[in-house]
Amino acid sequence: MKKNKTHLILLLFIFLFLKFLFFLAKVDEIRYVLFPVSKTIDFITNTDSIFITNKGYFNASLNFVINKSCSGINFFILFFVCISLRISFQKTPFAVHKNLLYSCLIALFCTYIANTSRILCSINLPTTITLNSKIAHQIIGTGVYLFYLFFFYILHDYLLKNKFAR
């Protein structure tokens, strides 16, 4: 139990630290997060984006910018904490450093998928619904992120219980 408390305190510190770093970060500093998503969107939509300093990746064909608010960092942080906590409360938890590394890699992969899906939905759905574009964008983002948060967590939980617990 003492190990779980230590892990919980460590995760709280990491959570606050990452939130603070993201608050301070400019779009140029999180370019590494935006790049793979931008290139995937370009590939799927058969268009091209260019990086504009202090703005983000601009896609002229689709007339949108992938910027700091589209980075998915908040989703990453939340999912990272959820996965790491889930592993730490397992009957046979990983060592703390392995837990954090594993959780980080899983959270990055899931964030990439969720973020790409959210942006694709934001590109395609506003043409079919007649809401204020900001409200539609928030509804789409919230819905997609909640779906992936639950889906990936349940999938990960299932895999932990049925594959790795043996």
Foldseek 3Di string as FASTA:
>chain_A
DVVLVVLVVVLVVVLVVLVVCLVPDFQVVLLVLQVVLQVVLCVVVVFAWDQDPRFATATPVLGDHCTSVLSLSVLLSVQLSLQLSLQVPAPDHDPSVVSNVVSNVLSSVLSSVLSSVLVVCLSPVVVPDDDDSVVVSVVSSVVSSVVSSVVSSVVSNCCCVPPVND
